[in-house]
PDB file of N, CA and C in Angstrom:
ATOM      1  N   TYR A   1     127.766  94.712  94.506  1.00  0.00           N
ATOM      2  CA  TYR A   1     128.680  94.755  93.710  1.00  0.00           C
ATOM      3  C   TYR A   1     129.948  95.333  93.937  1.00  0.00           C
ATOM      4  N   GLN A   2     131.433  94.913  93.557  1.00  0.00           N
ATOM      5  CA  GLN A   2     132.536  95.752  93.393  1.00  0.00           C
ATOM      6  C   GLN A   2     132.970  95.624  92.208  1.00  0.00           C
ATOM      7  N   ARG A   3     134.090  96.791  91.904  1.00  0.00           N
ATOM      8  CA  ARG A   3     134.552  96.955  90.677  1.00  0.00           C
ATOM      9  C   ARG A   3     136.104  96.888  91.134  1.00  0.00           C
ATOM     10  N   ARG A   4     137.115  96.665  90.355  1.00  0.00           N
ATOM     11  CA  ARG A   4     138.247  96.950  90.953  1.00  0.00           C
ATOM     12  C   ARG A   4     138.923  97.997  89.760  1.00  0.00           C
ATOM     13  N   VAL A   5     139.332  98.592  90.759  1.00  0.00           N
ATOM     14  CA  VAL A   5     140.244 100.184  89.550  1.00  0.00           C
ATOM     15  C   VAL A   5     141.395  99.951  89.923  1.00  0.00           C
ATOM     16  N   ARG A   6     142.467  99.889  88.993  1.00  0.00           N
ATOM     17  CA  ARG A   6     143.915 100.154  89.859  1.00  0.00           C
ATOM     18  C   ARG A   6     144.058  99.649  90.941  1.00  0.00           C
ATOM     19  N   GLY A   7     143.760  98.377  91.284  1.00  0.00           N
ATOM     20  CA  GLY A   7     144.038  97.808  92.614  1.00  0.00           C
ATOM     21  C   GLY A   7     143.533  98.292  93.681  1.00  0.00           C
ATOM     22  N   PHE A   8     142.678  99.156  93.543  1.00  0.00           N
ATOM     23  CA  PHE A   8     141.267  99.302  94.683  1.00  0.00           C
ATOM     24  C   PHE A   8     140.104  98.569  94.493  1.00  0.00           C
ATOM     25  N   SER A   9     139.522  98.362  95.485  1.00  0.00           N
ATOM     26  CA  SER A   9     138.167  97.627  95.258  1.00  0.00           C
ATOM     27  C   SER A   9     137.231  99.050  95.643  1.00  0.00           C
ATOM     28  N   VAL A  10     136.053  98.767  94.753  1.00  0.00           N
ATOM     29  CA  VAL A  10     135.847 100.309  94.585  1.00  0.00           C
ATOM     30  C   VAL A  10     133.954  99.502  94.606  1.00  0.00           C
ATOM     31  N   VAL A  11     133.460 100.343  95.756  1.00  0.00           N
ATOM     32  CA  VAL A  11     132.031  99.645  95.915  1.00  0.00           C
ATOM     33  C   VAL A  11     131.196 100.962  95.637  1.00  0.00           C
ATOM     34  N   PRO A  12     130.231 100.988  94.534  1.00  0.00           N
ATOM     35  CA  PRO A  12     129.237 102.265  94.088  1.00  0.00           C
ATOM     36  C   PRO A  12     128.750 102.635  95.594  1.00  0.00           C
ATOM     37  N   PRO A  13     128.190 103.944  95.203  1.00  0.00           N
ATOM     38  CA  PRO A  13     127.461 104.354  96.680  1.00  0.00           C
ATOM     39  C   PRO A  13     126.289 103.661  96.335  1.00  0.00           C
ATOM     40  N   SER A  14     125.733 103.768  97.656  1.00  0.00           N
ATOM     41  CA  SER A  14     124.221 103.525  97.672  1.00  0.00           C
ATOM     42  C   SER A  14     123.383 104.475  97.518  1.00  0.00           C
ATOM     43  N   PRO A  15     122.395 104.565  96.928  1.00  0.00           N
ATOM     44  CA  PRO A  15     121.500 105.464  96.676  1.00  0.00           C
ATOM     45  C   PRO A  15     121.335 106.270  97.986  1.00  0.00           C
ATOM     46  N   MET A  16     120.888 105.306  98.955  1.00  0.00           N
ATOM     47  CA  MET A  16     120.868 105.605 100.445  1.00  0.00           C
ATOM     48  C   MET A  16     121.869 106.385 100.945  1.00  0.00           C
ATOM     49  N   ASP A  17     122.953 106.689 100.469  1.00  0.00           N
ATOM     50  CA  ASP A  17     124.161 107.486 100.830  1.00  0.00           C
ATOM     51  C   ASP A  17     123.800 109.303 100.298  1.00  0.00           C
ATOM     52  N   ARG A  18     122.979 109.486  99.697  1.00  0.00           N
ATOM     53  CA  ARG A  18     122.559 110.572  98.756  1.00  0.00           C
ATOM     54  C   ARG A  18     121.390 111.150  99.949  1.00  0.00           C
ATOM     55  N   PRO A  19     121.387 112.715  99.840  1.00  0.00           N
ATOM     56  CA  PRO A  19     120.453 113.241 100.910  1.00  0.00           C
ATOM     57  C   PRO A  19     118.959 112.854 100.424  1.00  0.00           C
ATOM     58  N   PRO A  20     117.800 112.947 101.124  1.00  0.00           N
ATOM     59  CA  PRO A  20     116.729 112.271 100.871  1.00  0.00           C
ATOM     60  C   PRO A  20     116.243 113.172  99.449  1.00  0.00           C
ATOM     61  N   ASN A  21     116.437 114.233  99.535  1.00  0.00           N
ATOM     62  CA  ASN A  21     115.761 115.017  98.267  1.00  0.00           C
ATOM     63  C   ASN A  21     116.602 115.100  96.922  1.00  0.00           C
ATOM     64  N   GLN A  22     117.676 113.989  97.079  1.00  0.00           N
ATOM     65  CA  GLN A  22     118.422 113.407  96.058  1.00  0.00           C
ATOM     66  C   GLN A  22     118.337 112.276  95.708  1.00  0.00           C
ATOM     67  N   ARG A  23     117.700 111.297  96.173  1.00  0.00           N
ATOM     68  CA  ARG A  23     117.481 109.775  96.245  1.00  0.00           C
ATOM     69  C   ARG A  23     115.878 109.691  95.051  1.00  0.00           C
ATOM     70  N   ARG A  24     116.796 108.918  94.144  1.00  0.00           N
ATOM     71  CA  ARG A  24     115.756 108.675  92.937  1.00  0.00           C
ATOM     72  C   ARG A  24     115.124 107.624  93.693  1.00  0.00           C
ATOM     73  N   LYS A  25     113.437 107.453  93.381  1.00  0.00           N
ATOM     74  CA  LYS A  25     112.762 106.111  93.426  1.00  0.00           C
ATOM     75  C   LYS A  25     113.021 105.171  92.136  1.00  0.00           C
ATOM     76  N   PRO A  26     112.668 103.701  92.542  1.00  0.00           N
ATOM     77  CA  PRO A  26     113.344 102.986  91.692  1.00  0.00           C
ATOM     78  C   PRO A  26     112.031 102.987  90.764  1.00  0.00           C
ATOM     79  N   LYS A  27     111.954 102.965  89.246  1.00  0.00           N
ATOM     80  CA  LYS A  27     111.034 103.199  88.658  1.00  0.00           C
ATOM     81  C   LYS A  27     110.199 101.616  89.068  1.00  0.00           C
ATOM     82  N   LYS A  28     108.827 101.660  88.769  1.00  0.00           N
ATOM     83  CA  LYS A  28     108.064 100.329  88.854  1.00  0.00           C
ATOM     84  C   LYS A  28     107.038 100.140  87.599  1.00  0.00           C
ATOM     85  N   HIS A  29     107.694  99.070  87.075  1.00  0.00           N
ATOM     86  CA  HIS A  29     106.788  98.774  85.671  1.00  0.00           C
ATOM     87  C   HIS A  29     105.370  98.766  85.938  1.00  0.00           C
ATOM     88  N   THR A  30     104.140  99.802  85.227  1.00  0.00           N
ATOM     89  CA  THR A  30     103.141  99.640  85.738  1.00  0.00           C
ATOM     90  C   THR A  30     102.469  99.197  84.508  1.00  0.00           C
ATOM     91  N   ILE A  31     101.219  98.479  84.799  1.00  0.00           N
ATOM     92  CA  ILE A  31     100.189  98.287  83.762  1.00  0.00           C
ATOM     93  C   ILE A  31      98.844  98.420  84.145  1.00  0.00           C
ATOM     94  N   ILE A  32      98.196  99.442  82.972  1.00  0.00           N
ATOM     95  CA  ILE A  32      96.987  99.862  83.530  1.00  0.00           C
ATOM     96  C   ILE A  32      96.043  99.215  82.599  1.00  0.00           C
ATOM     97  N   LEU A  33      95.107  98.456  83.207  1.00  0.00           N
ATOM     98  CA  LEU A  33      94.059  98.033  82.702  1.00  0.00           C
ATOM     99  C   LEU A  33      92.774  98.540  83.033  1.00  0.00           C
ATOM    100  N   VAL A  34      92.099  98.632  81.386  1.00  0.00           N
ATOM    101  CA  VAL A  34      90.922  99.510  81.506  1.00  0.00           C
ATOM    102  C   VAL A  34      89.852  99.284  80.511  1.00  0.00           C
ATOM    103  N   GLN A  35      88.852  99.400  81.069  1.00  0.00           N
ATOM    104  CA  GLN A  35      87.476  99.046  80.110  1.00  0.00           C
ATOM    105  C   GLN A  35      86.655 100.294  79.795  1.00  0.00           C
ATOM    106  N   PHE A  36      86.647 100.927  78.607  1.00  0.00           N
ATOM    107  CA  PHE A  36      86.748 102.270  78.571  1.00  0.00           C
ATOM    108  C   PHE A  36      84.537 102.288  78.738  1.00  0.00           C
ATOM    109  N   THR A  37      84.148 101.440  78.084  1.00  0.00           N
ATOM    110  CA  THR A  37      82.499 101.264  78.563  1.00  0.00           C
ATOM    111  C   THR A  37      82.133 100.004  79.181  1.00  0.00           C
ATOM    112  N   ARG A  38      80.963  99.888  79.267  1.00  0.00           N
ATOM    113  CA  ARG A  38      80.331  98.690  79.826  1.00  0.00           C
ATOM    114  C   ARG A  38      80.316  97.393  78.737  1.00  0.00           C
ATOM    115  N   ALA A  39      80.605  97.758  77.751  1.00  0.00           N
ATOM    116  CA  ALA A  39      81.126  96.326  76.631  1.00  0.00           C
ATOM    117  C   ALA A  39      82.268  95.586  77.260  1.00  0.00           C
ATOM    118  N   LEU A  40      82.663  94.061  77.129  1.00  0.00           N
ATOM    119  CA  LEU A  40      83.556  93.808  77.247  1.00  0.00           C
ATOM    120  C   LEU A  40      84.518  93.943  76.485  1.00  0.00           C
ATOM    121  N   ASN A  41      83.859  94.043  74.966  1.00  0.00           N
ATOM    122  CA  ASN A  41      85.376  94.100  73.817  1.00  0.00           C
ATOM    123  C   ASN A  41      85.754  95.634  74.126  1.00  0.00           C
ATOM    124  N   THR A  42      85.820  96.287  74.948  1.00  0.00           N
ATOM    125  CA  THR A  42      86.638  97.596  75.108  1.00  0.00           C
ATOM    126  C   THR A  42      87.546  97.410  76.399  1.00  0.00           C
ATOM    127  N   ARG A  43      88.176  96.018  76.760  1.00  0.00           N
ATOM    128  CA  ARG A  43      88.771  96.023  77.648  1.00  0.00           C
ATOM    129  C   ARG A  43      90.190  95.694  77.007  1.00  0.00           C
ATOM    130  N   THR A  44      91.447  96.715  77.463  1.00  0.00           N
ATOM    131  CA  THR A  44      92.794  96.601  76.840  1.00  0.00           C
ATOM    132  C   THR A  44      93.558  96.935  78.126  1.00  0.00           C
ATOM    133  N   TYR A  45      94.853  97.234  77.967  1.00  0.00           N
ATOM    134  CA  TYR A  45      95.735  97.237  79.009  1.00  0.00           C
ATOM    135  C   TYR A  45      97.055  98.107  78.310  1.00  0.00           C
ATOM    136  N   PHE A  46      97.620  99.173  79.124  1.00  0.00           N
ATOM    137  CA  PHE A  46      98.603 100.137  78.490  1.00  0.00           C
ATOM    138  C   PHE A  46      99.949  99.734  79.311  1.00  0.00           C
ATOM    139  N   GLU A  47     100.834  99.778  79.279  1.00  0.00           N
ATOM    140  CA  GLU A  47     102.157  99.371  79.903  1.00  0.00           C
ATOM    141  C   GLU A  47     102.658 100.681  80.020  1.00  0.00           C
ATOM    142  N   TYR A  48     103.749 100.794  80.752  1.00  0.00           N
ATOM    143  CA  TYR A  48     104.359 102.086  81.287  1.00  0.00           C
ATOM    144  C   TYR A  48     105.678 101.717  81.996  1.00  0.00           C
ATOM    145  N   GLU A  49     106.698 102.778  81.852  1.00  0.00           N
ATOM    146  CA  GLU A  49     108.093 102.085  82.677  1.00  0.00           C
ATOM    147  C   GLU A  49     108.142 102.600  84.373  1.00  0.00           C
ATOM    148  N   SER A  50     107.230 103.551  84.660  1.00  0.00           N
ATOM    149  CA  SER A  50     106.816 103.994  85.699  1.00  0.00           C
ATOM    150  C   SER A  50     105.622 104.032  86.262  1.00  0.00           C
ATOM    151  N   VAL A  51     105.197 104.346  87.418  1.00  0.00           N
ATOM    152  CA  VAL A  51     103.704 104.533  87.722  1.00  0.00           C
ATOM    153  C   VAL A  51     103.507 106.341  87.514  1.00  0.00           C
ATOM    154  N   SER A  52     104.277 107.137  87.607  1.00  0.00           N
ATOM    155  CA  SER A  52     104.249 108.361  87.289  1.00  0.00           C
ATOM    156  C   SER A  52     104.051 108.630  85.682  1.00  0.00           C
ATOM    157  N   GLN A  53     104.657 107.797  84.905  1.00  0.00           N
ATOM    158  CA  GLN A  53     104.156 107.490  83.484  1.00  0.00           C
ATOM    159  C   GLN A  53     102.933 107.287  83.191  1.00  0.00           C
ATOM    160  N   ALA A  54     101.948 106.176  84.081  1.00  0.00           N
ATOM    161  CA  ALA A  54     101.399 105.449  83.914  1.00  0.00           C
ATOM    162  C   ALA A  54     100.241 106.536  83.943  1.00  0.00           C
ATOM    163  N   MET A  55     100.139 107.379  85.400  1.00  0.00           N
ATOM    164  CA  MET A  55      99.662 108.401  85.951  1.00  0.00           C
ATOM    165  C   MET A  55      98.963 109.538  84.717  1.00  0.00           C
ATOM    166  N   SER A  56     100.147 109.832  84.058  1.00  0.00           N
ATOM    167  CA  SER A  56     100.120 110.517  82.926  1.00  0.00           C
ATOM    168  C   SER A  56      99.237 110.023  81.679  1.00  0.00           C
ATOM    169  N   GLY A  57      99.312 108.614  81.557  1.00  0.00           N
ATOM    170  CA  GLY A  57      98.791 107.947  80.372  1.00  0.00           C
ATOM    171  C   GLY A  57      97.088 107.895  80.795  1.00  0.00           C
ATOM    172  N   VAL A  58      97.017 107.952  82.101  1.00  0.00           N
ATOM    173  CA  VAL A  58      95.590 107.700  82.536  1.00  0.00           C
ATOM    174  C   VAL A  58      95.202 109.215  82.339  1.00  0.00           C
ATOM    175  N   CYS A  59      95.615 110.244  82.683  1.00  0.00           N
ATOM    176  CA  CYS A  59      95.369 111.410  81.999  1.00  0.00           C
ATOM    177  C   CYS A  59      95.004 111.802  80.692  1.00  0.00           C
ATOM    178  N   LYS A  60      95.684 111.197  80.105  1.00  0.00           N
ATOM    179  CA  LYS A  60      95.697 111.288  78.454  1.00  0.00           C
ATOM    180  C   LYS A  60      94.168 110.775  77.794  1.00  0.00           C
ATOM    181  N   PHE A  61      93.883 109.454  78.545  1.00  0.00           N
ATOM    182  CA  PHE A  61      92.496 109.218  78.533  1.00  0.00           C
ATOM    183  C   PHE A  61      91.579 110.449  78.214  1.00  0.00           C
ATOM    184  N   TYR A  62      91.613 110.822  79.500  1.00  0.00           N
ATOM    185  CA  TYR A  62      90.729 112.143  79.473  1.00  0.00           C
ATOM    186  C   TYR A  62      90.543 112.936  78.473  1.00  0.00           C
ATOM    187  N   GLU A  63      91.917 113.542  78.198  1.00  0.00           N
ATOM    188  CA  GLU A  63      92.251 114.513  77.316  1.00  0.00           C
ATOM    189  C   GLU A  63      91.942 114.401  75.914  1.00  0.00           C
ATOM    190  N   GLU A  64      91.792 112.904  75.912  1.00  0.00           N
ATOM    191  CA  GLU A  64      91.918 112.602  74.409  1.00  0.00           C
ATOM    192  C   GLU A  64      90.006 112.352  74.125  1.00  0.00           C
ATOM    193  N   LYS A  65      89.614 111.705  75.209  1.00  0.00           N
ATOM    194  CA  LYS A  65      87.929 111.968  75.416  1.00  0.00           C
ATOM    195  C   LYS A  65      87.827 113.211  74.983  1.00  0.00           C
ATOM    196  N   LEU A  66      88.161 114.421  75.728  1.00  0.00           N
ATOM    197  CA  LEU A  66      87.830 115.896  75.571  1.00  0.00           C
ATOM    198  C   LEU A  66      87.777 116.489  74.018  1.00  0.00           C
ATOM    199  N   GLN A  67      88.926 115.958  73.550  1.00  0.00           N
ATOM    200  CA  GLN A  67      89.213 116.525  72.160  1.00  0.00           C
ATOM    201  C   GLN A  67      88.446 115.992  71.337  1.00  0.00           C
ATOM    202  N   LEU A  68      87.772 114.525  71.391  1.00  0.00           N
ATOM    203  CA  LEU A  68      86.769 114.287  70.697  1.00  0.00           C
ATOM    204  C   LEU A  68      85.387 114.887  70.721  1.00  0.00           C
ATOM    205  N   MET A  69      85.266 114.968  71.893  1.00  0.00           N
ATOM    206  CA  MET A  69      84.025 115.330  72.349  1.00  0.00           C
ATOM    207  C   MET A  69      83.434 116.639  71.758  1.00  0.00           C
ATOM    208  N   ASN A  70      84.686 117.634  72.048  1.00  0.00           N
ATOM    209  CA  ASN A  70      84.750 119.198  71.647  1.00  0.00           C
ATOM    210  C   ASN A  70      85.841 119.303  70.232  1.00  0.00           C
ATOM    211  N   GLN A  71      85.761 118.452  69.513  1.00  0.00           N
ATOM    212  CA  GLN A  71      86.126 118.643  68.340  1.00  0.00           C
ATOM    213  C   GLN A  71      87.410 119.409  68.245  1.00  0.00           C
ATOM    214  N   GLY A  72      88.510 119.031  69.052  1.00  0.00           N
ATOM    215  CA  GLY A  72      89.758 120.209  69.383  1.00  0.00           C
ATOM    216  C   GLY A  72      89.613 121.471  69.863  1.00  0.00           C
ATOM    217  N   ARG A  73      88.441 122.045  70.456  1.00  0.00           N
ATOM    218  CA  ARG A  73      88.269 123.102  71.098  1.00  0.00           C
ATOM    219  C   ARG A  73      89.096 122.627  72.545  1.00  0.00           C
ATOM    220  N   ASN A  74      89.887 124.087  73.117  1.00  0.00           N
ATOM    221  CA  ASN A  74      90.049 123.633  74.520  1.00  0.00           C
ATOM    222  C   ASN A  74      88.813 123.907  75.200  1.00  0.00           C
ATOM    223  N   VAL A  75      89.107 122.912  76.172  1.00  0.00           N
ATOM    224  CA  VAL A  75      87.792 123.245  77.091  1.00  0.00           C
ATOM    225  C   VAL A  75      88.439 123.139  78.647  1.00  0.00           C
ATOM    226  N   LYS A  76      87.774 124.211  79.649  1.00  0.00           N
ATOM    227  CA  LYS A  76      88.255 124.088  80.732  1.00  0.00           C
ATOM    228  C   LYS A  76      87.672 122.727  81.670  1.00  0.00           C
ATOM    229  N   HIS A  77      88.662 122.267  82.488  1.00  0.00           N
ATOM    230  CA  HIS A  77      88.006 121.291  83.055  1.00  0.00           C
ATOM    231  C   HIS A  77      89.054 121.278  84.488  1.00  0.00           C
ATOM    232  N   ASP A  78      88.481 120.447  85.408  1.00  0.00           N
ATOM    233  CA  ASP A  78      89.302 120.504  86.745  1.00  0.00           C
ATOM    234  C   ASP A  78      89.360 118.786  87.266  1.00  0.00           C
ATOM    235  N   ILE A  79      90.101 118.480  88.248  1.00  0.00           N
ATOM    236  CA  ILE A  79      90.291 117.180  88.916  1.00  0.00           C
ATOM    237  C   ILE A  79      88.871 116.615  89.156  1.00  0.00           C
ATOM    238  N   LYS A  80      87.703 117.384  89.351  1.00  0.00           N
ATOM    239  CA  LYS A  80      86.401 116.527  89.969  1.00  0.00           C
ATOM    240  C   LYS A  80      85.768 116.134  88.342  1.00  0.00           C
ATOM    241  N   ASP A  81      86.198 116.756  87.472  1.00  0.00           N
ATOM    242  CA  ASP A  81      85.804 116.283  86.037  1.00  0.00           C
ATOM    243  C   ASP A  81      86.292 115.072  85.506  1.00  0.00           C
ATOM    244  N   LEU A  82      87.578 115.049  86.080  1.00  0.00           N
ATOM    245  CA  LEU A  82      88.607 114.112  85.550  1.00  0.00           C
ATOM    246  C   LEU A  82      88.335 112.795  86.340  1.00  0.00           C
ATOM    247  N   PHE A  83      87.825 112.781  87.757  1.00  0.00           N
ATOM    248  CA  PHE A  83      87.690 111.617  88.771  1.00  0.00           C
ATOM    249  C   PHE A  83      86.170 111.622  88.011  1.00  0.00           C
ATOM    250  N   ALA A  84      85.406 112.000  87.520  1.00  0.00           N
ATOM    251  CA  ALA A  84      84.066 111.837  86.983  1.00  0.00           C
ATOM    252  C   ALA A  84      84.285 110.576  85.902  1.00  0.00           C
ATOM    253  N   TYR A  85      85.105 111.152  85.236  1.00  0.00           N
ATOM    254  CA  TYR A  85      85.396 110.530  83.834  1.00  0.00           C
ATOM    255  C   TYR A  85      85.787 109.225  84.375  1.00  0.00           C
ATOM    256  N   LEU A  86      86.956 108.987  85.371  1.00  0.00           N
ATOM    257  CA  LEU A  86      87.487 107.959  85.802  1.00  0.00           C
ATOM    258  C   LEU A  86      86.258 106.896  86.419  1.00  0.00           C
ATOM    259  N   ASP A  87      85.369 107.769  87.080  1.00  0.00           N
ATOM    260  CA  ASP A  87      84.323 106.673  87.584  1.00  0.00           C
ATOM    261  C   ASP A  87      83.616 106.038  86.662  1.00  0.00           C
ATOM    262  N   GLY A  88      83.044 106.684  85.792  1.00  0.00           N
ATOM    263  CA  GLY A  88      82.227 106.646  84.696  1.00  0.00           C
ATOM    264  C   GLY A  88      83.026 105.123  83.840  1.00  0.00           C
ATOM    265  N   LEU A  89      84.200 105.208  83.606  1.00  0.00           N
ATOM    266  CA  LEU A  89      84.841 103.937  83.019  1.00  0.00           C
ATOM    267  C   LEU A  89      84.562 102.525  83.295  1.00  0.00           C
ATOM    268  N   GLY A  90      84.109 101.626  82.521  1.00  0.00           N
ATOM    269  CA  GLY A  90      83.665 100.361  82.686  1.00  0.00           C
ATOM    270  C   GLY A  90      84.434  99.675  83.544  1.00  0.00           C
ATOM    271  N   ASP A  91      85.613  99.747  83.722  1.00  0.00           N
ATOM    272  CA  ASP A  91      86.773  99.139  84.830  1.00  0.00           C
ATOM    273  C   ASP A  91      88.156  99.867  84.593  1.00  0.00           C
ATOM    274  N   LEU A  92      88.477  99.903  85.631  1.00  0.00           N
ATOM    275  CA  LEU A  92      89.735 100.571  85.858  1.00  0.00           C
ATOM    276  C   LEU A  92      90.558 100.137  87.264  1.00  0.00           C
ATOM    277  N   GLY A  93      91.986  99.831  86.574  1.00  0.00           N
ATOM    278  CA  GLY A  93      92.642  99.297  87.894  1.00  0.00           C
ATOM    279  C   GLY A  93      94.031  99.194  87.097  1.00  0.00           C
ATOM    280  N   ALA A  94      95.107  98.738  88.094  1.00  0.00           N
ATOM    281  CA  ALA A  94      96.782  99.041  87.811  1.00  0.00           C
ATOM    282  C   ALA A  94      97.097  97.616  88.401  1.00  0.00           C
ATOM    283  N   LEU A  95      98.142  97.212  87.642  1.00  0.00           N
ATOM    284  CA  LEU A  95      99.322  96.103  87.867  1.00  0.00           C
ATOM    285  C   LEU A  95     100.702  96.944  88.354  1.00  0.00           C
ATOM    286  N   VAL A  96     100.986  97.065  89.790  1.00  0.00           N
ATOM    287  CA  VAL A  96     102.369  97.559  89.688  1.00  0.00           C
ATOM    288  C   VAL A  96     103.220  97.081  90.262  1.00  0.00           C
ATOM    289  N   TYR A  97     104.611  96.459  89.285  1.00  0.00           N
ATOM    290  CA  TYR A  97     105.788  95.774  90.213  1.00  0.00           C
ATOM    291  C   TYR A  97     106.345  96.262  91.146  1.00  0.00           C
ATOM    292  N   GLU A  98     106.586  95.274  92.275  1.00  0.00           N
ATOM    293  CA  GLU A  98     107.359  95.193  93.306  1.00  0.00           C
ATOM    294  C   GLU A  98     108.429  94.555  93.204  1.00  0.00           C
ATOM    295  N   GLU A  99     109.649  95.345  93.379  1.00  0.00           N
ATOM    296  CA  GLU A  99     110.752  94.503  93.250  1.00  0.00           C
ATOM    297  C   GLU A  99     111.065  93.601  94.798  1.00  0.00           C
ATOM    298  N   LYS A 100     110.346  93.796  95.764  1.00  0.00           N
ATOM    299  CA  LYS A 100     110.738  93.456  97.211  1.00  0.00           C
ATOM    300  C   LYS A 100     109.938  92.002  96.576  1.00  0.00           C
ATOM    301  N   LYS A 101     109.162  91.814  96.019  1.00  0.00           N
ATOM    302  CA  LYS A 101     108.001  90.886  96.173  1.00  0.00           C
ATOM    303  C   LYS A 101     108.176  89.948  94.734  1.00  0.00           C
ATOM    304  N   GLN A 102     109.023  90.605  93.872  1.00  0.00           N
ATOM    305  CA  GLN A 102     109.239  90.165  92.449  1.00  0.00           C
ATOM    306  C   GLN A 102     107.992  89.415  92.077  1.00  0.00           C
ATOM    307  N   ALA A 103     106.512  90.604  92.099  1.00  0.00           N
ATOM    308  CA  ALA A 103     105.292  90.390  91.892  1.00  0.00           C
ATOM    309  C   ALA A 103     104.836  91.258  91.407  1.00  0.00           C
ATOM    310  N   TYR A 104     103.707  91.213  90.311  1.00  0.00           N
ATOM    311  CA  TYR A 104     102.894  92.823  90.266  1.00  0.00           C
ATOM    312  C   TYR A 104     101.981  92.890  91.460  1.00  0.00           C
ATOM    313  N   VAL A 105     101.549  94.015  92.003  1.00  0.00           N
ATOM    314  CA  VAL A 105     100.463  94.355  92.907  1.00  0.00           C
ATOM    315  C   VAL A 105      99.504  94.804  92.091  1.00  0.00           C
ATOM    316  N   PRO A 106      98.328  94.163  92.591  1.00  0.00           N
ATOM    317  CA  PRO A 106      96.671  94.849  92.005  1.00  0.00           C
ATOM    318  C   PRO A 106      96.297  95.959  92.733  1.00  0.00           C
ATOM    319  N   CYS A 107      96.004  96.871  91.969  1.00  0.00           N
ATOM    320  CA  CYS A 107      95.796  98.273  92.772  1.00  0.00           C
ATOM    321  C   CYS A 107      94.360  98.909  91.729  1.00  0.00           C
ATOM    322  N   ASP A 108      93.720  99.332  93.037  1.00  0.00           N
ATOM    323  CA  ASP A 108      92.239  99.554  92.325  1.00  0.00           C
ATOM    324  C   ASP A 108      91.520 101.182  91.805  1.00  0.00           C
ATOM    325  N   ARG A 109      90.748 101.485  91.495  1.00  0.00           N
ATOM    326  CA  ARG A 109      90.424 102.457  90.823  1.00  0.00           C
ATOM    327  C   ARG A 109      90.364 103.878  91.742  1.00  0.00           C
ATOM    328  N   GLN A 110      90.467 103.849  93.191  1.00  0.00           N
ATOM    329  CA  GLN A 110      90.592 104.457  94.196  1.00  0.00           C
ATOM    330  C   GLN A 110      91.878 104.848  94.020  1.00  0.00           C
ATOM    331  N   TRP A 111      93.127 103.974  94.064  1.00  0.00           N
ATOM    332  CA  TRP A 111      94.261 104.089  94.592  1.00  0.00           C
ATOM    333  C   TRP A 111      94.941 104.720  93.002  1.00  0.00           C
ATOM    334  N   ILE A 112      94.038 104.394  91.523  1.00  0.00           N
ATOM    335  CA  ILE A 112      94.788 105.419  90.672  1.00  0.00           C
ATOM    336  C   ILE A 112      94.540 106.757  90.701  1.00  0.00           C
ATOM    337  N   LYS A 113      92.919 106.903  91.364  1.00  0.00           N
ATOM    338  CA  LYS A 113      92.475 108.540  91.522  1.00  0.00           C
ATOM    339  C   LYS A 113      93.618 109.055  92.453  1.00  0.00           C
ATOM    340  N   GLN A 114      93.887 108.558  93.423  1.00  0.00           N
ATOM    341  CA  GLN A 114      94.986 109.521  94.667  1.00  0.00           C
ATOM    342  C   GLN A 114      96.354 109.235  93.923  1.00  0.00           C
ATOM    343  N   ARG A 115      96.739 108.512  93.111  1.00  0.00           N
ATOM    344  CA  ARG A 115      97.881 108.324  92.466  1.00  0.00           C
ATOM    345  C   ARG A 115      98.076 109.772  91.526  1.00  0.00           C
ATOM    346  N   VAL A 116      97.098 109.779  90.530  1.00  0.00           N
ATOM    347  CA  VAL A 116      96.710 110.753  89.777  1.00  0.00           C
ATOM    348  C   VAL A 116      96.582 112.195  90.186  1.00  0.00           C
ATOM    349  N   GLU A 117      95.972 112.112  91.362  1.00  0.00           N
ATOM    350  CA  GLU A 117      95.973 113.466  91.940  1.00  0.00           C
ATOM    351  C   GLU A 117      97.833 114.016  92.618  1.00  0.00           C
ATOM    352  N   LYS A 118      98.287 112.934  93.062  1.00  0.00           N
ATOM    353  CA  LYS A 118      99.527 113.141  93.256  1.00  0.00           C
ATOM    354  C   LYS A 118     100.616 113.685  92.422  1.00  0.00           C
ATOM    355  N   HIS A 119     100.056 112.773  91.003  1.00  0.00           N
ATOM    356  CA  HIS A 119     100.941 113.013  89.780  1.00  0.00           C
ATOM    357  C   HIS A 119     100.734 114.414  89.511  1.00  0.00           C
ATOM    358  N   LEU A 120      99.872 114.897  89.480  1.00  0.00           N
ATOM    359  CA  LEU A 120      99.465 116.329  88.928  1.00  0.00           C
ATOM    360  C   LEU A 120      99.900 117.112  89.774  1.00  0.00           C
ATOM    361  N   ILE A 121      99.739 117.139  91.192  1.00  0.00           N
ATOM    362  CA  ILE A 121     100.615 118.073  91.828  1.00  0.00           C
ATOM    363  C   ILE A 121     101.526 117.610  91.884  1.00  0.00           C
ATOM    364  N   ASP A 122     102.363 116.930  91.959  1.00  0.00           N
ATOM    365  CA  ASP A 122     103.996 116.738  91.659  1.00  0.00           C
ATOM    366  C   ASP A 122     104.735 117.445  90.615  1.00  0.00           C
ATOM    367  N   THR A 123     103.690 117.207  89.305  1.00  0.00           N
ATOM    368  CA  THR A 123     104.488 117.954  88.227  1.00  0.00           C
ATOM    369  C   THR A 123     103.523 119.425  87.806  1.00  0.00           C
ATOM    370  N   GLY A 124     103.138 120.091  89.067  1.00  0.00           N
ATOM    371  CA  GLY A 124     102.386 121.530  88.786  1.00  0.00           C
ATOM    372  C   GLY A 124     101.516 121.371  87.556  1.00  0.00           C
ATOM    373  N   GLN A 125     100.673 120.382  87.660  1.00  0.00           N
ATOM    374  CA  GLN A 125      99.491 120.439  86.746  1.00  0.00           C
ATOM    375  C   GLN A 125      98.161 120.364  87.210  1.00  0.00           C
ATOM    376  N   TYR A 126      97.945 120.025  88.563  1.00  0.00           N
ATOM    377  CA  TYR A 126      96.904 120.303  89.276  1.00  0.00           C
ATOM    378  C   TYR A 126      95.728 121.333  88.556  1.00  0.00           C
ATOM    379  N   LEU A 127      94.462 120.153  88.647  1.00  0.00           N
ATOM    380  CA  LEU A 127      93.233 120.733  88.020  1.00  0.00           C
ATOM    381  C   LEU A 127      92.523 121.421  88.955  1.00  0.00           C
ATOM    382  N   ASN A 128      92.772 122.476  89.664  1.00  0.00           N
ATOM    383  CA  ASN A 128      92.297 122.817  90.911  1.00  0.00           C
ATOM    384  C   ASN A 128      90.840 123.925  90.095  1.00  0.00           C
TER     385      ASN A 128
END
């Protein structure tokens, strides 16, 4: 798109004109589909503005479960514990909106675990 400013045609800079470390990735609307137990009536979904926010939400599921189980006390845990929790859910998946395809792309439990680990590393919260 172009804007006219005092007789000049101005084309906004492309994000690709920035150095790679300054480019912002587009946010991808993400829907997390989760079944907390084997009971079908525990199926639900959560919407997030980005994959990163969705991965924070997935981590929050586990943290809330720990809080309930341990009556609010702080408990040490690591990524193996988080992954065991995710593996123990009745079902877990995601739908991530891809702008180029103009559609949601399904992602499985393994993809979510990989993205959660990457998210924890990127945010300095890695539970090693």
